[in-house]
PDB file of all heavy atoms in Angstrom:
ATOM      1  N   ILE A   1     145.315 -49.443 135.016  1.00  0.00           N
ATOM      2  CA  ILE A   1     146.148 -49.434 133.803  1.00  0.00           C
ATOM      3  C   ILE A   1     145.960 -50.794 133.136  1.00  0.00           C
ATOM      4  O   ILE A   1     146.362 -51.813 133.686  1.00  0.00           O
ATOM      5  CB  ILE A   1     147.630 -49.190 134.129  1.00  0.00           C
ATOM      6  CG1 ILE A   1     147.775 -47.863 134.870  1.00  0.00           C
ATOM      7  CG2 ILE A   1     148.466 -49.213 132.859  1.00  0.00           C
ATOM      8  CD1 ILE A   1     149.116 -47.652 135.487  1.00  0.00           C
ATOM      9  N   PRO A   2     145.345 -50.874 131.975  1.00  0.00           N
ATOM     10  CA  PRO A   2     145.048 -52.174 131.353  1.00  0.00           C
ATOM     11  C   PRO A   2     146.270 -52.815 130.676  1.00  0.00           C
ATOM     12  O   PRO A   2     146.322 -52.917 129.449  1.00  0.00           O
ATOM     13  CB  PRO A   2     143.948 -51.827 130.341  1.00  0.00           C
ATOM     14  CG  PRO A   2     144.213 -50.402 129.987  1.00  0.00           C
ATOM     15  CD  PRO A   2     144.787 -49.758 131.213  1.00  0.00           C
ATOM     16  N   SER A   3     147.245 -53.187 131.510  1.00  0.00           N
ATOM     17  CA  SER A   3     148.481 -53.787 130.974  1.00  0.00           C
ATOM     18  C   SER A   3     148.947 -54.893 131.923  1.00  0.00           C
ATOM     19  O   SER A   3     149.119 -54.665 133.105  1.00  0.00           O
ATOM     20  CB  SER A   3     149.569 -52.733 130.872  1.00  0.00           C
ATOM     21  OG  SER A   3     150.834 -53.349 130.678  1.00  0.00           O
ATOM     22  N   VAL A   4     149.129 -56.093 131.339  1.00  0.00           N
ATOM     23  CA  VAL A   4     149.613 -57.215 132.133  1.00  0.00           C
ATOM     24  C   VAL A   4     151.003 -56.908 132.691  1.00  0.00           C
ATOM     25  O   VAL A   4     151.309 -57.213 133.850  1.00  0.00           O
ATOM     26  CB  VAL A   4     149.657 -58.514 131.270  1.00  0.00           C
ATOM     27  CG1 VAL A   4     150.282 -59.654 132.050  1.00  0.00           C
ATOM     28  CG2 VAL A   4     148.249 -58.875 130.823  1.00  0.00           C
ATOM     29  N   TRP A   5     151.871 -56.312 131.845  1.00  0.00           N
ATOM     30  CA  TRP A   5     153.239 -56.004 132.260  1.00  0.00           C
ATOM     31  C   TRP A   5     153.302 -55.017 133.406  1.00  0.00           C
ATOM     32  O   TRP A   5     154.045 -55.198 134.369  1.00  0.00           O
ATOM     33  CB  TRP A   5     154.062 -55.510 131.062  1.00  0.00           C
ATOM     34  CG  TRP A   5     154.311 -56.579 130.075  1.00  0.00           C
ATOM     35  CD1 TRP A   5     153.670 -56.764 128.867  1.00  0.00           C
ATOM     36  CD2 TRP A   5     155.214 -57.684 130.220  1.00  0.00           C
ATOM     37  NE1 TRP A   5     154.161 -57.884 128.255  1.00  0.00           N
ATOM     38  CE2 TRP A   5     155.113 -58.479 129.059  1.00  0.00           C
ATOM     39  CE3 TRP A   5     156.135 -58.054 131.195  1.00  0.00           C
ATOM     40  CZ2 TRP A   5     155.863 -59.630 128.858  1.00  0.00           C
ATOM     41  CZ3 TRP A   5     156.887 -59.211 131.000  1.00  0.00           C
ATOM     42  CH2 TRP A   5     156.748 -59.969 129.844  1.00  0.00           C
ATOM     43  N   VAL A   6     152.548 -53.928 133.293  1.00  0.00           N
ATOM     44  CA  VAL A   6     152.547 -52.934 134.350  1.00  0.00           C
ATOM     45  C   VAL A   6     152.038 -53.552 135.680  1.00  0.00           C
ATOM     46  O   VAL A   6     152.656 -53.354 136.709  1.00  0.00           O
ATOM     47  CB  VAL A   6     151.653 -51.728 133.964  1.00  0.00           C
ATOM     48  CG1 VAL A   6     151.422 -50.805 135.165  1.00  0.00           C
ATOM     49  CG2 VAL A   6     152.290 -50.933 132.813  1.00  0.00           C
ATOM     50  N   ASN A   7     150.986 -54.323 135.587  1.00  0.00           N
ATOM     51  CA  ASN A   7     150.465 -54.940 136.787  1.00  0.00           C
ATOM     52  C   ASN A   7     151.429 -55.957 137.377  1.00  0.00           C
ATOM     53  O   ASN A   7     151.553 -56.065 138.606  1.00  0.00           O
ATOM     54  CB  ASN A   7     149.092 -55.566 136.501  1.00  0.00           C
ATOM     55  CG  ASN A   7     148.010 -54.527 136.509  1.00  0.00           C
ATOM     56  OD1 ASN A   7     147.435 -54.224 137.544  1.00  0.00           O
ATOM     57  ND2 ASN A   7     147.715 -53.928 135.351  1.00  0.00           N
ATOM     58  N   GLY A   8     152.120 -56.692 136.543  1.00  0.00           N
ATOM     59  CA  GLY A   8     153.138 -57.631 137.028  1.00  0.00           C
ATOM     60  C   GLY A   8     154.268 -56.932 137.765  1.00  0.00           C
ATOM     61  O   GLY A   8     154.716 -57.389 138.837  1.00  0.00           O
ATOM     62  N   ILE A   9     154.750 -55.825 137.206  1.00  0.00           N
ATOM     63  CA  ILE A   9     155.813 -55.039 137.859  1.00  0.00           C
ATOM     64  C   ILE A   9     155.344 -54.469 139.177  1.00  0.00           C
ATOM     65  O   ILE A   9     156.062 -54.510 140.189  1.00  0.00           O
ATOM     66  CB  ILE A   9     156.330 -53.916 136.899  1.00  0.00           C
ATOM     67  CG1 ILE A   9     157.067 -54.552 135.709  1.00  0.00           C
ATOM     68  CG2 ILE A   9     157.235 -52.938 137.628  1.00  0.00           C
ATOM     69  CD1 ILE A   9     157.321 -53.618 134.561  1.00  0.00           C
ATOM     70  N   VAL A  10     154.124 -53.938 139.187  1.00  0.00           N
ATOM     71  CA  VAL A  10     153.584 -53.361 140.445  1.00  0.00           C
ATOM     72  C   VAL A  10     153.456 -54.424 141.540  1.00  0.00           C
ATOM     73  O   VAL A  10     153.785 -54.198 142.688  1.00  0.00           O
ATOM     74  CB  VAL A  10     152.223 -52.670 140.159  1.00  0.00           C
ATOM     75  CG1 VAL A  10     151.513 -52.313 141.460  1.00  0.00           C
ATOM     76  CG2 VAL A  10     152.426 -51.425 139.297  1.00  0.00           C
ATOM     77  N   VAL A  11     153.014 -55.637 141.151  1.00  0.00           N
ATOM     78  CA  VAL A  11     152.901 -56.716 142.133  1.00  0.00           C
ATOM     79  C   VAL A  11     154.274 -57.093 142.664  1.00  0.00           C
ATOM     80  O   VAL A  11     154.435 -57.346 143.875  1.00  0.00           O
ATOM     81  CB  VAL A  11     152.157 -57.940 141.523  1.00  0.00           C
ATOM     82  CG1 VAL A  11     152.303 -59.173 142.413  1.00  0.00           C
ATOM     83  CG2 VAL A  11     150.707 -57.633 141.310  1.00  0.00           C
ATOM     84  N   ALA A  12     155.278 -57.150 141.803  1.00  0.00           N
ATOM     85  CA  ALA A  12     156.643 -57.476 142.263  1.00  0.00           C
ATOM     86  C   ALA A  12     157.150 -56.432 143.250  1.00  0.00           C
ATOM     87  O   ALA A  12     157.715 -56.793 144.301  1.00  0.00           O
ATOM     88  CB  ALA A  12     157.575 -57.559 141.052  1.00  0.00           C
ATOM     89  N   ILE A  13     156.897 -55.153 142.957  1.00  0.00           N
ATOM     90  CA  ILE A  13     157.315 -54.086 143.879  1.00  0.00           C
ATOM     91  C   ILE A  13     156.528 -54.192 145.202  1.00  0.00           C
ATOM     92  O   ILE A  13     157.077 -54.012 146.290  1.00  0.00           O
ATOM     93  CB  ILE A  13     157.132 -52.699 143.217  1.00  0.00           C
ATOM     94  CG1 ILE A  13     158.105 -52.552 142.068  1.00  0.00           C
ATOM     95  CG2 ILE A  13     157.286 -51.580 144.235  1.00  0.00           C
ATOM     96  CD1 ILE A  13     157.819 -51.367 141.149  1.00  0.00           C
ATOM     97  N   ALA A  14     155.252 -54.548 145.079  1.00  0.00           N
ATOM     98  CA  ALA A  14     154.421 -54.687 146.266  1.00  0.00           C
ATOM     99  C   ALA A  14     154.936 -55.813 147.172  1.00  0.00           C
ATOM    100  O   ALA A  14     154.934 -55.678 148.407  1.00  0.00           O
ATOM    101  CB  ALA A  14     152.969 -54.950 145.886  1.00  0.00           C
ATOM    102  N   TRP A  15     155.425 -56.899 146.555  1.00  0.00           N
ATOM    103  CA  TRP A  15     155.957 -57.994 147.359  1.00  0.00           C
ATOM    104  C   TRP A  15     157.213 -57.559 148.102  1.00  0.00           C
ATOM    105  O   TRP A  15     157.438 -57.935 149.251  1.00  0.00           O
ATOM    106  CB  TRP A  15     156.239 -59.214 146.508  1.00  0.00           C
ATOM    107  CG  TRP A  15     155.130 -60.190 146.573  1.00  0.00           C
ATOM    108  CD1 TRP A  15     154.252 -60.501 145.579  1.00  0.00           C
ATOM    109  CD2 TRP A  15     154.708 -60.914 147.729  1.00  0.00           C
ATOM    110  NE1 TRP A  15     153.315 -61.408 146.048  1.00  0.00           N
ATOM    111  CE2 TRP A  15     153.586 -61.689 147.377  1.00  0.00           C
ATOM    112  CE3 TRP A  15     155.177 -61.004 149.042  1.00  0.00           C
ATOM    113  CZ2 TRP A  15     152.931 -62.505 148.266  1.00  0.00           C
ATOM    114  CZ3 TRP A  15     154.503 -61.822 149.935  1.00  0.00           C
ATOM    115  CH2 TRP A  15     153.404 -62.567 149.543  1.00  0.00           C
ATOM    116  N   ILE A  16     158.046 -56.753 147.459  1.00  0.00           N
ATOM    117  CA  ILE A  16     159.243 -56.220 148.130  1.00  0.00           C
ATOM    118  C   ILE A  16     158.800 -55.364 149.324  1.00  0.00           C
ATOM    119  O   ILE A  16     159.376 -55.433 150.406  1.00  0.00           O
ATOM    120  CB  ILE A  16     160.122 -55.436 147.142  1.00  0.00           C
ATOM    121  CG1 ILE A  16     160.691 -56.379 146.068  1.00  0.00           C
ATOM    122  CG2 ILE A  16     161.238 -54.677 147.855  1.00  0.00           C
ATOM    123  CD1 ILE A  16     161.335 -55.685 144.905  1.00  0.00           C
ATOM    124  N   GLY A  17     157.775 -54.526 149.109  1.00  0.00           N
ATOM    125  CA  GLY A  17     157.249 -53.683 150.181  1.00  0.00           C
ATOM    126  C   GLY A  17     156.692 -54.499 151.339  1.00  0.00           C
ATOM    127  O   GLY A  17     156.941 -54.225 152.510  1.00  0.00           O
ATOM    128  N   SER A  18     155.949 -55.574 151.024  1.00  0.00           N
ATOM    129  CA  SER A  18     155.410 -56.438 152.075  1.00  0.00           C
ATOM    130  C   SER A  18     156.529 -57.126 152.865  1.00  0.00           C
ATOM    131  O   SER A  18     156.442 -57.237 154.095  1.00  0.00           O
ATOM    132  CB  SER A  18     154.488 -57.490 151.475  1.00  0.00           C
ATOM    133  OG  SER A  18     153.257 -56.924 151.098  1.00  0.00           O
ATOM    134  N   ALA A  19     157.541 -57.581 152.131  1.00  0.00           N
ATOM    135  CA  ALA A  19     158.693 -58.225 152.817  1.00  0.00           C
ATOM    136  C   ALA A  19     159.375 -57.222 153.767  1.00  0.00           C
ATOM    137  O   ALA A  19     159.738 -57.555 154.895  1.00  0.00           O
ATOM    138  CB  ALA A  19     159.673 -58.733 151.772  1.00  0.00           C
ATOM    139  N   ALA A  20     159.530 -55.973 153.313  1.00  0.00           N
ATOM    140  CA  ALA A  20     160.148 -54.951 154.149  1.00  0.00           C
ATOM    141  C   ALA A  20     159.327 -54.705 155.406  1.00  0.00           C
ATOM    142  O   ALA A  20     159.869 -54.574 156.514  1.00  0.00           O
ATOM    143  CB  ALA A  20     160.348 -53.655 153.358  1.00  0.00           C
ATOM    144  N   LEU A  21     158.008 -54.653 155.264  1.00  0.00           N
ATOM    145  CA  LEU A  21     157.139 -54.456 156.440  1.00  0.00           C
ATOM    146  C   LEU A  21     157.252 -55.613 157.415  1.00  0.00           C
ATOM    147  O   LEU A  21     157.298 -55.424 158.633  1.00  0.00           O
ATOM    148  CB  LEU A  21     155.702 -54.263 155.989  1.00  0.00           C
ATOM    149  CG  LEU A  21     155.347 -52.915 155.339  1.00  0.00           C
ATOM    150  CD1 LEU A  21     153.929 -52.936 154.761  1.00  0.00           C
ATOM    151  CD2 LEU A  21     155.516 -51.770 156.312  1.00  0.00           C
ATOM    152  N   ILE A  22     157.313 -56.836 156.880  1.00  0.00           N
ATOM    153  CA  ILE A  22     157.442 -57.990 157.764  1.00  0.00           C
ATOM    154  C   ILE A  22     158.767 -57.958 158.516  1.00  0.00           C
ATOM    155  O   ILE A  22     158.794 -58.080 159.745  1.00  0.00           O
ATOM    156  CB  ILE A  22     157.338 -59.320 156.935  1.00  0.00           C
ATOM    157  CG1 ILE A  22     155.903 -59.490 156.433  1.00  0.00           C
ATOM    158  CG2 ILE A  22     157.783 -60.512 157.780  1.00  0.00           C
ATOM    159  CD1 ILE A  22     155.738 -60.594 155.401  1.00  0.00           C
ATOM    160  N   TYR A  23     159.885 -57.749 157.775  1.00  0.00           N
ATOM    161  CA  TYR A  23     161.186 -57.759 158.432  1.00  0.00           C
ATOM    162  C   TYR A  23     161.355 -56.634 159.419  1.00  0.00           C
ATOM    163  O   TYR A  23     162.030 -56.814 160.463  1.00  0.00           O
ATOM    164  CB  TYR A  23     162.303 -57.713 157.377  1.00  0.00           C
ATOM    165  CG  TYR A  23     162.528 -59.057 156.720  1.00  0.00           C
ATOM    166  CD1 TYR A  23     162.195 -59.265 155.371  1.00  0.00           C
ATOM    167  CD2 TYR A  23     163.026 -60.141 157.449  1.00  0.00           C
ATOM    168  CE1 TYR A  23     162.371 -60.503 154.789  1.00  0.00           C
ATOM    169  CE2 TYR A  23     163.235 -61.380 156.829  1.00  0.00           C
ATOM    170  CZ  TYR A  23     162.905 -61.557 155.529  1.00  0.00           C
ATOM    171  OH  TYR A  23     163.083 -62.806 154.930  1.00  0.00           O
ATOM    172  N   HIS A  24     160.785 -55.464 159.132  1.00  0.00           N
ATOM    173  CA  HIS A  24     160.916 -54.338 160.072  1.00  0.00           C
ATOM    174  C   HIS A  24     159.890 -54.390 161.199  1.00  0.00           C
ATOM    175  O   HIS A  24     160.058 -53.723 162.204  1.00  0.00           O
ATOM    176  CB  HIS A  24     160.822 -53.022 159.321  1.00  0.00           C
ATOM    177  CG  HIS A  24     162.044 -52.730 158.497  1.00  0.00           C
ATOM    178  ND1 HIS A  24     162.093 -52.962 157.152  1.00  0.00           N
ATOM    179  CD2 HIS A  24     163.272 -52.291 158.840  1.00  0.00           C
ATOM    180  CE1 HIS A  24     163.282 -52.672 156.691  1.00  0.00           C
ATOM    181  NE2 HIS A  24     164.025 -52.251 157.711  1.00  0.00           N
ATOM    182  N   GLY A  25     158.819 -55.146 161.021  1.00  0.00           N
ATOM    183  CA  GLY A  25     157.770 -55.176 162.015  1.00  0.00           C
ATOM    184  C   GLY A  25     157.911 -56.240 163.090  1.00  0.00           C
ATOM    185  O   GLY A  25     157.402 -56.107 164.212  1.00  0.00           O
ATOM    186  N   VAL A  26     158.614 -57.334 162.744  1.00  0.00           N
ATOM    187  CA  VAL A  26     158.734 -58.471 163.667  1.00  0.00           C
ATOM    188  C   VAL A  26     159.396 -58.033 164.978  1.00  0.00           C
ATOM    189  O   VAL A  26     158.884 -58.315 166.076  1.00  0.00           O
ATOM    190  CB  VAL A  26     159.511 -59.643 163.031  1.00  0.00           C
ATOM    191  CG1 VAL A  26     159.923 -60.663 164.062  1.00  0.00           C
ATOM    192  CG2 VAL A  26     158.661 -60.273 161.943  1.00  0.00           C
ATOM    193  N   ALA A  27     160.548 -57.361 164.909  1.00  0.00           N
ATOM    194  CA  ALA A  27     161.295 -57.011 166.107  1.00  0.00           C
ATOM    195  C   ALA A  27     160.522 -56.123 167.041  1.00  0.00           C
ATOM    196  O   ALA A  27     160.379 -56.434 168.259  1.00  0.00           O
ATOM    197  CB  ALA A  27     162.637 -56.398 165.741  1.00  0.00           C
ATOM    198  N   PRO A  28     159.950 -54.998 166.608  1.00  0.00           N
ATOM    199  CA  PRO A  28     159.241 -54.130 167.552  1.00  0.00           C
ATOM    200  C   PRO A  28     157.916 -54.721 168.058  1.00  0.00           C
ATOM    201  O   PRO A  28     157.620 -54.602 169.246  1.00  0.00           O
ATOM    202  CB  PRO A  28     159.003 -52.827 166.765  1.00  0.00           C
ATOM    203  CG  PRO A  28     159.117 -53.180 165.323  1.00  0.00           C
ATOM    204  CD  PRO A  28     160.063 -54.351 165.270  1.00  0.00           C
ATOM    205  N   LEU A  29     157.174 -55.380 167.180  1.00  0.00           N
ATOM    206  CA  LEU A  29     155.872 -55.909 167.597  1.00  0.00           C
ATOM    207  C   LEU A  29     156.021 -57.065 168.588  1.00  0.00           C
ATOM    208  O   LEU A  29     155.199 -57.214 169.507  1.00  0.00           O
ATOM    209  CB  LEU A  29     155.037 -56.355 166.411  1.00  0.00           C
ATOM    210  CG  LEU A  29     154.451 -55.258 165.545  1.00  0.00           C
ATOM    211  CD1 LEU A  29     153.737 -55.829 164.332  1.00  0.00           C
ATOM    212  CD2 LEU A  29     153.493 -54.360 166.321  1.00  0.00           C
ATOM    213  N   PHE A  30     157.048 -57.882 168.376  1.00  0.00           N
ATOM    214  CA  PHE A  30     157.211 -59.060 169.227  1.00  0.00           C
ATOM    215  C   PHE A  30     158.333 -58.894 170.248  1.00  0.00           C
ATOM    216  O   PHE A  30     158.725 -59.841 170.907  1.00  0.00           O
ATOM    217  CB  PHE A  30     157.457 -60.312 168.365  1.00  0.00           C
ATOM    218  CG  PHE A  30     156.393 -60.539 167.359  1.00  0.00           C
ATOM    219  CD1 PHE A  30     156.678 -61.097 166.132  1.00  0.00           C
ATOM    220  CD2 PHE A  30     155.066 -60.161 167.585  1.00  0.00           C
ATOM    221  CE1 PHE A  30     155.703 -61.319 165.166  1.00  0.00           C
ATOM    222  CE2 PHE A  30     154.063 -60.350 166.631  1.00  0.00           C
ATOM    223  CZ  PHE A  30     154.383 -60.933 165.417  1.00  0.00           C
ATOM    224  N   ARG A  31     158.848 -57.642 170.335  1.00  0.00           N
ATOM    225  CA  ARG A  31     159.876 -57.279 171.330  1.00  0.00           C
ATOM    226  C   ARG A  31     161.096 -58.202 171.281  1.00  0.00           C
ATOM    227  O   ARG A  31     161.555 -58.738 172.263  1.00  0.00           O
ATOM    228  CB  ARG A  31     159.260 -57.283 172.733  1.00  0.00           C
ATOM    229  CG  ARG A  31     158.151 -56.225 172.886  1.00  0.00           C
ATOM    230  CD  ARG A  31     157.194 -56.584 174.031  1.00  0.00           C
ATOM    231  NE  ARG A  31     155.992 -55.761 173.939  1.00  0.00           N
ATOM    232  CZ  ARG A  31     154.935 -56.056 173.209  1.00  0.00           C
ATOM    233  NH1 ARG A  31     154.923 -57.092 172.419  1.00  0.00           N
ATOM    234  NH2 ARG A  31     153.856 -55.278 173.184  1.00  0.00           N
ATOM    235  N   LEU A  32     161.580 -58.400 170.060  1.00  0.00           N
ATOM    236  CA  LEU A  32     162.788 -59.223 169.861  1.00  0.00           C
ATOM    237  C   LEU A  32     164.010 -58.334 169.797  1.00  0.00           C
ATOM    238  O   LEU A  32     164.126 -57.510 168.891  1.00  0.00           O
ATOM    239  CB  LEU A  32     162.650 -60.033 168.559  1.00  0.00           C
ATOM    240  CG  LEU A  32     161.707 -61.229 168.553  1.00  0.00           C
ATOM    241  CD1 LEU A  32     161.513 -61.787 167.172  1.00  0.00           C
ATOM    242  CD2 LEU A  32     162.247 -62.317 169.477  1.00  0.00           C
ATOM    243  N   GLU A  33     164.904 -58.507 170.733  1.00  0.00           N
ATOM    244  CA  GLU A  33     166.152 -57.710 170.744  1.00  0.00           C
ATOM    245  C   GLU A  33     167.165 -58.279 169.776  1.00  0.00           C
ATOM    246  O   GLU A  33     167.968 -57.531 169.210  1.00  0.00           O
ATOM    247  CB  GLU A  33     166.742 -57.685 172.146  1.00  0.00           C
ATOM    248  CG  GLU A  33     165.818 -57.074 173.202  1.00  0.00           C
ATOM    249  CD  GLU A  33     165.538 -55.613 172.962  1.00  0.00           C
ATOM    250  OE1 GLU A  33     166.438 -54.922 172.433  1.00  0.00           O
ATOM    251  OE2 GLU A  33     164.444 -55.139 173.318  1.00  0.00           O
ATOM    252  N   ASP A  34     167.155 -59.598 169.588  1.00  0.00           N
ATOM    253  CA  ASP A  34     168.112 -60.254 168.722  1.00  0.00           C
ATOM    254  C   ASP A  34     167.630 -60.157 167.272  1.00  0.00           C
ATOM    255  O   ASP A  34     166.628 -60.755 166.884  1.00  0.00           O
ATOM    256  CB  ASP A  34     168.193 -61.736 169.146  1.00  0.00           C
ATOM    257  CG  ASP A  34     169.284 -62.478 168.401  1.00  0.00           C
ATOM    258  OD1 ASP A  34     169.689 -62.039 167.321  1.00  0.00           O
ATOM    259  OD2 ASP A  34     169.734 -63.527 168.897  1.00  0.00           O
ATOM    260  N   HIS A  35     168.379 -59.371 166.449  1.00  0.00           N
ATOM    261  CA  HIS A  35     167.970 -59.156 165.074  1.00  0.00           C
ATOM    262  C   HIS A  35     168.067 -60.405 164.210  1.00  0.00           C
ATOM    263  O   HIS A  35     167.362 -60.545 163.238  1.00  0.00           O
ATOM    264  CB  HIS A  35     168.724 -57.994 164.448  1.00  0.00           C
ATOM    265  CG  HIS A  35     168.206 -56.660 164.888  1.00  0.00           C
ATOM    266  ND1 HIS A  35     166.987 -56.145 164.429  1.00  0.00           N
ATOM    267  CD2 HIS A  35     168.706 -55.736 165.742  1.00  0.00           C
ATOM    268  CE1 HIS A  35     166.773 -54.963 164.981  1.00  0.00           C
ATOM    269  NE2 HIS A  35     167.773 -54.713 165.775  1.00  0.00           N
TER     270      HIS A  35
END
């Protein structure tokens, strides 16, 4: 989509998704019981 605005919004949403993956992945991958 040749739009700076659309791409900016998609990147912002992608960062939220990456943050969610990090926060949800740390505990099970590293066996951390303490949230």
